[in-house]
Structure formats: structure tokens, C-alpha cells
Amino acid sequence: MIMKKNILYLVAFISMVFVACNPLKDEINNIKPVAAEKTLTISTTTLYGTADAANIGISAMLNSTYPQLADGSKANVTYSFKTNTIKPADSVYANIQYTVTANDYTTGAPVVGNFSTNATTGVITIFNTYSVAQAASFLEWKYPQATTPAYKLVLLTYQFFQSNATPSAGVTVTEAFLLMPNGWQKIYLVSPAQYAALGRGINNGFTSADVANLPSYFNTMLKSDPNIISPKVGDVRYVTYKYMQSGTLMHQKVYALSYDATGNWVPSLTLAFLKKDGKWIPDPTIYYTLVRNDYNTIGASNAGTANGRANLAQFGSFDVTGGANNWTEAQIADGLIVVLNAKYPNAPVDPTIPYKVTYALFRGATPTDSKSFVKTPTGFVLAPAN
């Protein structure tokens, strides 16, 4: 019996010594799981007035909520625009219309600048026309920002003059101006022709039946407007339209849309973020995937070999099987630079902005691959490896 107890004590003692002396125990206990890269697709209920404000606010939110994710993680965050619907100081349609009078052109001229002075005689000539900038100056003269309610809306009828584009007497136009925090701004006004195209030409206004479709209507209008040139992601346009609350009461409402990465004007915006050096930041990367015509563009260039270019233009993928049509990695990079130069001819020189290009390969199947480039003073080059 005594022997049995001694054996049990000895086993217990040896176990204690082994645990106490195990050099791996502390290391094992201190190992923390390594966070893997992830791509988040989320929405936020926080409203932002501008894309810049959203970039700051969402970065802070991601750093607070997802600090554990590894560098290289991405987040696509959608937010609703704070000022999708702007309530003008007075939205009653009849109250916001104003036609510039002959007396206005004369009295306001010293401020607006619609005059010229003869250098020889000193005679001053008043022009009964405005440019868009002069129309905004006229509104500041008539409705000074310091004493006018924010978001006052005016549908201004005046004689518009543009050198080499209109008669010297001008053409009669009606345009919308909104008093923004930075002054009077011309905004987008839905035209009678656009109402008519949507079956609303009798009253030139929308009703409650149109509300759900307004973002789609406005997107189509803005995308087809030749005066809106090269919009950038995050750009904002304010659209004003007539809303028929009843047969006798009409309001002029204002709606804000922003330009997204798919080339549409939308009531919300999705921004991309990247985890880098332990912090979430707005993703500076410009992502582009080659389309069929891009392979034709490379096929017509001097990149690669004649056989490779002909094969690429025919099949829309880089052959990397090692045969007569083969593309080396360096040749593929040259071909992608051809596309970047054509797609982004005015890209700024900025090595902090990567351009990640995805393209198709042929290896008996058609997988994809990607390469990253930056714009340097000498042009696009492969981005340095991290």
C-alpha cells in the first residue's frame, strides 16, 4: 500500500516538473492568431455631405471596428448622401421664378460687370446680357448671401451671351441657381423636353408616382448631357425638378446625386478602403480590367511580337504557353502600359497611386492575372514590389 502511494506521488511530481520546465509552454500561450486578409462589403447608416467627409469618417469607423484585420484587407463601404434631398428656403414654384429686367441690367452693372468702357472716350456701354458667372453675380447682388436664407433657389430667366456661341443680344434662357454655403451655384434644371420624353410634358412636372424612379431618370439625364464632361468619382450634381403636389400646388425640389466608379449618377456612393501599415485609409488604387477592345489596342501596338499581337487581338487573352505566340511577363507589362496610356492620358505623376490592371491569360484555359503600375515622370512603370 505504501509502495503504491509512493509511486503515485512520484508520477505526480514528475508531471509537475515536466510542465514547469516545458520551454514551449509560454511560447504556445503567447501565440496570437494572425489575422487574414479580408474584403468587407458593408453599408453605413452615417450620412455624409461630401466624399471627402465620408473618406475621413469611414476610415475612422473601420479603424475602430475592424482593427484586427491584416494589412492588405479591403473594404467597400456604401453610404447615403447627406443631402440627397435639399429643401430650398422656399420651394413653392411660383415664388422662386425671377426674370431680369432692363433696369436690373443697368442698376446692377457696376457689381455684375456687364458693361465696357471705351478707352478713348470713356463712354460706358451697358449690355443687357449675362454670362453664367455674371448671372450668379447678379443673384449675389440681388440676394446677398449674408442676408439670404441658405439654399434659396431661384429659377432665373435672363439673356445669356457667350462669345462666338450666341448672338450679341443673347438668347433667353431659364436656369436654376441654388445658394450653397460657398455662394450661388448653377445647378441642373430638368427641361420641358425631358419631362415630355418621360410622359410628363403636359404639366412639365413629376408626381408621387415618379418618386421611386427619380434617381434612374436623373442618372439618364446627367449621363447623356454633353455639357457634363469627364466627371470623376465623388463628383456631385444637384438636380432641380418641378413636383406637383396637387393640381394647384407645385414645388421645385432639389435632389443630389454623386458619380460612382461604374459611371453612374447614384443617390448613394460606394468608396473603397485599404488596410495599410496598420491603418485603414481610402484606397488610392485605380482598378481596371481589360475589355475586348483593349486587346485590339495592344494588338495594333509594338508590344510583344507580331505573332503574339495577332493571337492576342484574335482571342482576347495573352498566350503564355511558350509557343510561337508566347508573351513574356515584360512584354505583357509593355502591352498593359499601352492601354494605360490610352485610358488615362492625363494621369498625374504620382507614385502613391497604383493602377491595378487585370487581364486574361491563355494556358490551355483562360485564367486571369493582374499587375500594378504607377505614373512616374517618364510614364507608367511597374509598381515596386512591396
Protein backbone atom coordinates (compact mmCIF):
# COMPACT_ATOMS: atom_id res chain seq x y z
CA MET A 1 0.00 0.00 0.00
CA ILE A 2 2.80 2.38 0.96
CA MET A 3 4.66 1.47 -2.22
CA LYS A 4 1.55 2.23 -4.33
CA LYS A 5 1.19 5.69 -2.75
CA ASN A 6 4.86 6.44 -3.32
CA ILE A 7 4.52 5.55 -6.99
CA LEU A 8 1.53 7.89 -7.36
CA TYR A 9 3.41 10.71 -5.64
CA LEU A 10 6.40 10.16 -7.94
CA VAL A 11 4.24 10.28 -11.07
CA ALA A 12 2.59 13.48 -9.87
CA PHE A 13 5.95 15.07 -9.10
CA ILE A 14 7.41 14.17 -12.49
CA SER A 15 4.34 15.67 -14.21
CA MET A 16 4.75 18.91 -12.29
CA VAL A 17 8.44 19.12 -13.18
CA PHE A 18 7.70 18.49 -16.87
CA VAL A 19 5.07 21.23 -17.04
CA ALA A 20 7.21 23.69 -15.10
CA CYS A 21 10.21 23.03 -17.31
CA ASN A 22 8.43 22.87 -20.67
CA PRO A 23 10.14 25.65 -22.66
CA LEU A 24 7.37 25.71 -25.28
CA LYS A 25 4.51 26.27 -22.88
CA ASP A 26 4.93 30.04 -22.52
CA GLU A 27 5.57 30.42 -26.24
CA ILE A 28 2.43 28.48 -27.11
CA ASN A 29 0.38 30.58 -24.70
CA ASN A 30 1.73 33.80 -26.23
CA ILE A 31 0.95 32.88 -29.82
CA LYS A 32 -1.81 35.08 -31.18
CA PRO A 33 -3.74 34.15 -34.31
CA VAL A 34 -2.53 36.01 -37.38
CA ALA A 35 -5.39 37.97 -38.95
CA ALA A 36 -6.04 37.03 -42.54
CA GLU A 37 -6.70 39.48 -45.34
CA LYS A 38 -10.39 40.03 -45.96
CA THR A 39 -12.61 42.04 -48.25
CA LEU A 40 -15.56 43.64 -46.48
CA THR A 41 -18.68 44.76 -48.27
CA ILE A 42 -20.71 46.82 -45.84
CA SER A 43 -23.03 49.82 -45.58
CA THR A 44 -23.05 52.60 -43.03
CA THR A 45 -26.08 54.46 -41.76
CA THR A 46 -23.99 57.57 -41.16
CA LEU A 47 -24.79 60.27 -43.70
CA TYR A 48 -22.03 62.38 -45.26
CA GLY A 49 -22.24 65.63 -47.15
CA THR A 50 -19.20 65.04 -49.38
CA ALA A 51 -16.97 62.17 -50.49
CA ASP A 52 -14.05 63.80 -48.63
CA ALA A 53 -16.03 63.82 -45.37
CA ALA A 54 -17.04 60.20 -45.99
CA ASN A 55 -13.42 59.15 -46.53
CA ILE A 56 -12.43 60.64 -43.18
CA GLY A 57 -15.43 59.34 -41.23
CA ILE A 58 -15.46 55.83 -42.68
CA SER A 59 -11.70 55.41 -42.20
CA ALA A 60 -12.18 56.25 -38.51
CA MET A 61 -15.08 53.79 -38.27
CA LEU A 62 -13.05 50.98 -39.86
CA ASN A 63 -10.06 51.64 -37.61
CA SER A 64 -12.36 51.40 -34.60
CA THR A 65 -14.47 48.44 -35.70
CA TYR A 66 -12.04 46.31 -37.70
CA PRO A 67 -8.58 46.95 -36.24
CA GLN A 68 -7.78 43.22 -36.21
CA LEU A 69 -7.79 42.70 -39.97
CA ALA A 70 -4.44 42.29 -41.66
CA ASP A 71 -2.70 44.78 -43.92
CA GLY A 72 -3.94 44.30 -47.44
CA SER A 73 -7.55 43.88 -46.35
CA LYS A 74 -10.10 45.87 -48.31
CA ALA A 75 -13.49 47.34 -47.54
CA ASN A 76 -16.16 48.55 -49.94
CA VAL A 77 -18.41 50.82 -47.90
CA THR A 78 -21.65 52.29 -49.19
CA TYR A 79 -23.08 55.41 -47.60
CA SER A 80 -26.10 57.54 -48.37
CA PHE A 81 -25.53 61.12 -49.35
CA LYS A 82 -26.46 63.52 -46.59
CA THR A 83 -28.06 66.00 -48.93
CA ASN A 84 -29.87 63.70 -51.37
CA THR A 85 -32.91 65.85 -50.88
CA ILE A 86 -32.24 69.52 -50.24
CA LYS A 87 -35.13 71.64 -49.06
CA PRO A 88 -34.91 75.09 -50.63
CA ALA A 89 -35.66 78.07 -48.41
CA ASP A 90 -38.84 78.50 -50.46
CA SER A 91 -39.86 75.61 -52.70
CA VAL A 92 -43.20 76.95 -54.00
CA TYR A 93 -42.73 77.06 -57.76
CA ALA A 94 -44.47 80.41 -58.25
CA ASN A 95 -42.31 82.10 -55.62
CA ILE A 96 -38.87 81.22 -56.94
CA GLN A 97 -39.11 82.47 -60.52
CA TYR A 98 -37.46 85.74 -61.42
CA THR A 99 -36.89 87.48 -64.75
CA VAL A 100 -34.06 90.01 -65.00
CA THR A 101 -35.43 93.41 -66.02
CA ALA A 102 -33.90 96.14 -68.16
CA ASN A 103 -33.44 98.18 -65.00
CA ASP A 104 -31.64 95.26 -63.32
CA TYR A 105 -29.09 95.08 -66.13
CA THR A 106 -28.34 98.79 -65.68
CA THR A 107 -28.51 99.17 -61.92
CA GLY A 108 -26.55 96.03 -61.15
CA ALA A 109 -23.89 96.58 -63.82
CA PRO A 110 -21.22 98.10 -61.51
CA VAL A 111 -21.28 94.91 -59.44
CA VAL A 112 -22.13 92.33 -62.10
CA GLY A 113 -19.71 93.71 -64.71
CA ASN A 114 -21.99 93.57 -67.78
CA PHE A 115 -20.51 96.76 -69.26
CA SER A 116 -17.50 98.03 -71.13
CA THR A 117 -15.69 101.38 -71.11
CA ASN A 118 -14.36 102.94 -74.28
CA ALA A 119 -10.66 103.51 -73.69
CA THR A 120 -10.66 106.68 -75.81
CA THR A 121 -13.92 108.42 -74.96
CA GLY A 122 -14.62 106.91 -71.55
CA VAL A 123 -18.17 106.13 -72.65
CA ILE A 124 -19.71 103.24 -70.73
CA THR A 125 -21.87 100.73 -72.59
CA ILE A 126 -24.26 98.53 -70.62
CA PHE A 127 -25.00 95.09 -72.03
CA ASN A 128 -28.44 93.60 -71.39
CA THR A 129 -26.93 90.12 -71.30
CA TYR A 130 -25.17 87.91 -68.75
CA SER A 131 -22.76 85.05 -68.81
CA VAL A 132 -23.44 82.27 -66.29
CA ALA A 133 -20.84 83.77 -63.94
CA GLN A 134 -22.46 87.21 -64.27
CA ALA A 135 -25.88 85.69 -63.56
CA ALA A 136 -24.50 84.27 -60.31
CA SER A 137 -23.02 87.70 -59.51
CA PHE A 138 -26.40 89.31 -60.20
CA LEU A 139 -28.05 86.95 -57.70
CA GLU A 140 -25.46 87.82 -55.09
CA TRP A 141 -26.24 91.49 -55.72
CA LYS A 142 -29.99 90.97 -55.53
CA TYR A 143 -30.00 88.30 -52.79
CA PRO A 144 -26.77 88.78 -50.78
CA GLN A 145 -25.59 85.62 -49.09
CA ALA A 146 -25.14 87.44 -45.78
CA THR A 147 -28.84 88.26 -45.52
CA THR A 148 -30.45 85.48 -47.59
CA PRO A 149 -31.57 82.08 -46.19
CA ALA A 150 -29.31 79.18 -47.10
CA TYR A 151 -30.47 77.03 -50.01
CA LYS A 152 -32.56 79.74 -51.57
CA LEU A 153 -33.49 78.54 -55.04
CA VAL A 154 -34.09 80.84 -58.00
CA LEU A 155 -35.25 79.92 -61.49
CA LEU A 156 -33.68 82.86 -63.29
CA THR A 157 -34.75 83.99 -66.75
CA TYR A 158 -32.21 86.25 -68.46
CA GLN A 159 -30.47 86.98 -71.74
CA PHE A 160 -27.50 84.65 -71.99
CA PHE A 161 -24.45 85.64 -74.00
CA GLN A 162 -21.43 83.51 -74.80
CA SER A 163 -18.77 84.78 -77.17
CA ASN A 164 -18.79 83.01 -80.55
CA ALA A 165 -21.75 80.89 -79.41
CA THR A 166 -24.78 83.20 -79.17
CA PRO A 167 -25.98 86.43 -80.85
CA SER A 168 -24.65 89.61 -79.27
CA ALA A 169 -28.16 90.33 -77.98
CA GLY A 170 -28.12 86.98 -76.20
CA VAL A 171 -30.71 84.22 -76.08
CA THR A 172 -33.46 83.91 -73.50
CA VAL A 173 -32.75 81.12 -71.01
CA THR A 174 -34.17 79.97 -67.70
CA GLU A 175 -31.62 78.36 -65.41
CA ALA A 176 -31.61 77.22 -61.80
CA PHE A 177 -29.31 78.67 -59.15
CA LEU A 178 -29.02 77.50 -55.56
CA LEU A 179 -27.44 79.46 -52.70
CA MET A 180 -24.87 76.99 -51.36
CA PRO A 181 -22.51 77.53 -48.42
CA ASN A 182 -19.88 78.71 -50.92
CA GLY A 183 -22.21 81.08 -52.77
CA TRP A 184 -24.63 80.99 -55.67
CA GLN A 185 -24.18 77.94 -57.89
CA LYS A 186 -25.85 76.98 -61.13
CA ILE A 187 -27.50 73.56 -60.80
CA TYR A 188 -29.11 71.12 -63.21
CA LEU A 189 -32.65 72.01 -64.28
CA VAL A 190 -34.91 69.38 -65.84
CA SER A 191 -36.07 70.77 -69.19
CA PRO A 192 -39.52 70.68 -70.81
CA ALA A 193 -38.16 68.27 -73.43
CA GLN A 194 -37.00 65.89 -70.70
CA TYR A 195 -40.40 65.97 -69.00
CA ALA A 196 -42.03 65.28 -72.35
CA ALA A 197 -39.74 62.31 -73.02
CA LEU A 198 -40.95 60.78 -69.75
CA GLY A 199 -44.61 61.39 -70.49
CA ARG A 200 -44.85 64.39 -68.18
CA GLY A 201 -44.87 67.09 -70.84
CA ILE A 202 -48.39 68.36 -70.25
CA ASN A 203 -47.60 69.87 -66.85
CA ASN A 204 -43.78 69.75 -67.01
CA GLY A 205 -43.58 68.18 -63.57
CA PHE A 206 -43.36 64.90 -61.70
CA THR A 207 -45.92 63.42 -59.32
CA SER A 208 -45.81 60.97 -56.40
CA ALA A 209 -45.97 58.13 -58.94
CA ASP A 210 -42.50 59.14 -60.20
CA VAL A 211 -40.69 59.36 -56.86
CA ALA A 212 -39.23 55.83 -56.87
CA ASN A 213 -37.91 56.32 -60.40
CA LEU A 214 -36.37 59.76 -59.98
CA PRO A 215 -32.80 58.52 -59.36
CA SER A 216 -32.96 56.49 -62.57
CA TYR A 217 -34.45 59.40 -64.53
CA PHE A 218 -31.78 61.81 -63.30
CA ASN A 219 -28.95 59.34 -63.92
CA THR A 220 -30.00 59.02 -67.55
CA MET A 221 -30.27 62.80 -67.95
CA LEU A 222 -26.85 63.51 -66.48
CA LYS A 223 -25.10 60.73 -68.38
CA SER A 224 -26.50 61.94 -71.70
CA ASP A 225 -25.79 65.64 -71.11
CA PRO A 226 -22.90 66.74 -73.36
CA ASN A 227 -22.12 69.64 -71.02
CA ILE A 228 -21.08 67.28 -68.21
CA ILE A 229 -17.56 66.42 -69.29
CA SER A 230 -15.26 63.83 -67.69
CA PRO A 231 -16.92 63.53 -64.28
CA LYS A 232 -14.81 62.00 -61.51
CA VAL A 233 -15.85 59.54 -58.82
CA GLY A 234 -17.34 61.52 -55.95
CA ASP A 235 -18.44 64.45 -58.11
CA VAL A 236 -21.87 65.77 -57.11
CA ARG A 237 -24.65 67.25 -59.23
CA TYR A 238 -27.77 68.90 -57.86
CA VAL A 239 -30.87 68.34 -59.99
CA THR A 240 -33.93 70.52 -59.55
CA TYR A 241 -37.34 69.46 -60.80
CA LYS A 242 -40.98 70.50 -60.55
CA TYR A 243 -43.09 68.37 -58.23
CA MET A 244 -46.86 68.53 -58.50
CA GLN A 245 -48.24 68.06 -55.01
CA SER A 246 -51.74 68.74 -56.29
CA GLY A 247 -53.45 70.25 -59.29
CA THR A 248 -52.90 73.74 -57.89
CA LEU A 249 -49.78 73.41 -55.69
CA MET A 250 -46.37 72.89 -57.30
CA HIS A 251 -42.97 72.81 -55.64
CA GLN A 252 -39.48 73.00 -57.10
CA LYS A 253 -37.40 70.33 -55.38
CA VAL A 254 -33.67 69.65 -55.37
CA TYR A 255 -32.04 66.21 -55.46
CA ALA A 256 -28.33 65.39 -55.14
CA LEU A 257 -26.54 62.54 -56.86
CA SER A 258 -22.90 61.52 -56.90
CA TYR A 259 -20.82 59.87 -59.60
CA ASP A 260 -19.67 56.34 -58.83
CA ALA A 261 -16.96 54.02 -60.17
CA THR A 262 -19.38 52.30 -62.57
CA GLY A 263 -20.05 55.53 -64.43
CA ASN A 264 -23.48 56.20 -62.97
CA TRP A 265 -25.02 59.05 -61.01
CA VAL A 266 -26.47 57.49 -57.87
CA PRO A 267 -28.17 58.60 -54.62
CA SER A 268 -25.51 56.74 -52.65
CA LEU A 269 -21.81 56.19 -53.13
CA THR A 270 -19.54 53.20 -52.51
CA LEU A 271 -15.99 54.04 -51.52
CA ALA A 272 -13.05 51.65 -51.31
CA PHE A 273 -10.70 51.44 -48.32
CA LEU A 274 -7.44 49.62 -47.74
CA LYS A 275 -5.66 48.42 -44.58
CA LYS A 276 -2.09 49.64 -44.91
CA ASP A 277 0.66 49.94 -42.28
CA GLY A 278 -1.84 49.04 -39.57
CA LYS A 279 -4.41 51.70 -40.52
CA TRP A 280 -7.48 51.86 -42.72
CA ILE A 281 -7.14 54.51 -45.41
CA PRO A 282 -9.09 55.44 -48.55
CA ASP A 283 -7.86 53.01 -51.18
CA PRO A 284 -5.81 55.06 -53.65
CA THR A 285 -5.72 52.20 -56.17
CA ILE A 286 -7.34 52.64 -59.56
CA TYR A 287 -8.65 49.24 -60.65
CA TYR A 288 -9.12 48.40 -64.31
CA THR A 289 -9.96 45.15 -66.10
CA LEU A 290 -9.16 44.92 -69.78
CA VAL A 291 -12.17 44.81 -72.10
CA ARG A 292 -12.22 43.20 -75.53
CA ASN A 293 -11.26 46.38 -77.38
CA ASP A 294 -8.18 46.82 -75.17
CA TYR A 295 -6.68 43.61 -76.58
CA ASN A 296 -7.21 45.03 -80.07
CA THR A 297 -5.41 48.21 -78.97
CA ILE A 298 -2.41 46.19 -77.80
CA GLY A 299 -2.59 44.11 -80.98
CA ALA A 300 -2.15 47.29 -83.02
CA SER A 301 0.85 48.44 -80.94
CA ASN A 302 4.53 47.43 -80.94
CA ALA A 303 4.33 45.48 -77.67
CA GLY A 304 5.37 41.83 -77.76
CA THR A 305 5.93 40.00 -81.04
CA ALA A 306 3.98 40.10 -84.28
CA ASN A 307 2.69 36.56 -83.68
CA GLY A 308 1.76 37.36 -80.09
CA ARG A 309 -0.09 40.54 -81.06
CA ALA A 310 -2.06 38.82 -83.81
CA ASN A 311 -3.05 35.99 -81.46
CA LEU A 312 -3.97 38.45 -78.71
CA ALA A 313 -6.19 40.50 -80.99
CA GLN A 314 -7.88 37.34 -82.27
CA PHE A 315 -8.57 35.62 -78.94
CA GLY A 316 -8.52 38.37 -76.32
CA SER A 317 -6.00 36.76 -73.98
CA PHE A 318 -2.23 36.67 -73.54
CA ASP A 319 -0.80 33.31 -74.65
CA VAL A 320 1.82 32.21 -72.09
CA THR A 321 2.15 28.55 -73.17
CA GLY A 322 5.68 29.06 -74.50
CA GLY A 323 4.96 28.64 -78.22
CA ALA A 324 5.23 31.00 -81.16
CA ASN A 325 2.53 33.28 -79.75
CA ASN A 326 4.05 33.49 -76.28
CA TRP A 327 4.10 36.66 -74.20
CA THR A 328 6.76 37.15 -71.54
CA GLU A 329 5.94 38.98 -68.31
CA ALA A 330 7.88 42.01 -69.52
CA GLN A 331 6.01 42.01 -72.84
CA ILE A 332 2.65 41.78 -71.05
CA ALA A 333 3.65 44.76 -68.92
CA ASP A 334 4.52 46.69 -72.09
CA GLY A 335 1.12 45.84 -73.54
CA LEU A 336 -0.72 46.94 -70.42
CA ILE A 337 1.16 50.24 -70.44
CA VAL A 338 -0.19 50.82 -73.96
CA VAL A 339 -3.71 50.51 -72.56
CA LEU A 340 -2.95 52.73 -69.56
CA ASN A 341 -1.61 55.47 -71.83
CA ALA A 342 -4.76 55.27 -73.93
CA LYS A 343 -7.15 55.02 -70.98
CA TYR A 344 -5.50 57.57 -68.66
CA PRO A 345 -3.62 60.02 -70.92
CA ASN A 346 -3.85 62.81 -68.34
CA ALA A 347 -2.99 60.75 -65.28
CA PRO A 348 -0.96 62.81 -62.79
CA VAL A 349 2.59 61.89 -61.97
CA ASP A 350 2.09 60.35 -58.53
CA PRO A 351 3.90 57.18 -57.42
CA THR A 352 1.48 56.80 -54.48
CA ILE A 353 -1.45 55.99 -56.80
CA PRO A 354 -1.27 52.41 -58.09
CA TYR A 355 -3.13 51.32 -61.22
CA LYS A 356 -4.00 47.65 -60.90
CA VAL A 357 -4.81 46.08 -64.26
CA THR A 358 -6.46 42.67 -64.55
CA TYR A 359 -6.10 40.74 -67.80
CA ALA A 360 -6.85 37.32 -69.32
CA LEU A 361 -4.23 34.63 -69.88
CA PHE A 362 -4.25 31.51 -72.05
CA ARG A 363 -2.65 28.38 -70.56
CA GLY A 364 -4.95 25.78 -72.04
CA ALA A 365 -7.64 27.53 -70.00
CA THR A 366 -8.25 31.25 -69.57
CA PRO A 367 -7.40 32.37 -66.05
CA THR A 368 -6.71 35.96 -65.12
CA ASP A 369 -3.79 37.75 -63.58
CA SER A 370 -3.02 41.34 -62.65
CA LYS A 371 -0.15 43.79 -62.50
CA SER A 372 0.18 47.13 -60.73
CA PHE A 373 1.68 50.26 -62.26
CA VAL A 374 2.41 53.82 -61.15
CA LYS A 375 2.82 57.02 -63.13
CA THR A 376 6.33 58.50 -62.99
CA PRO A 377 7.84 61.50 -64.81
CA THR A 378 8.83 59.10 -67.59
CA GLY A 379 5.41 57.44 -67.85
CA PHE A 380 3.72 54.32 -66.49
CA VAL A 381 6.03 51.71 -64.98
CA LEU A 382 5.52 48.57 -62.97
CA ALA A 383 4.91 49.40 -59.32
CA PRO A 384 7.73 48.43 -56.98
CA ALA A 385 7.13 45.14 -55.16
CA ASN A 386 6.08 45.64 -51.54
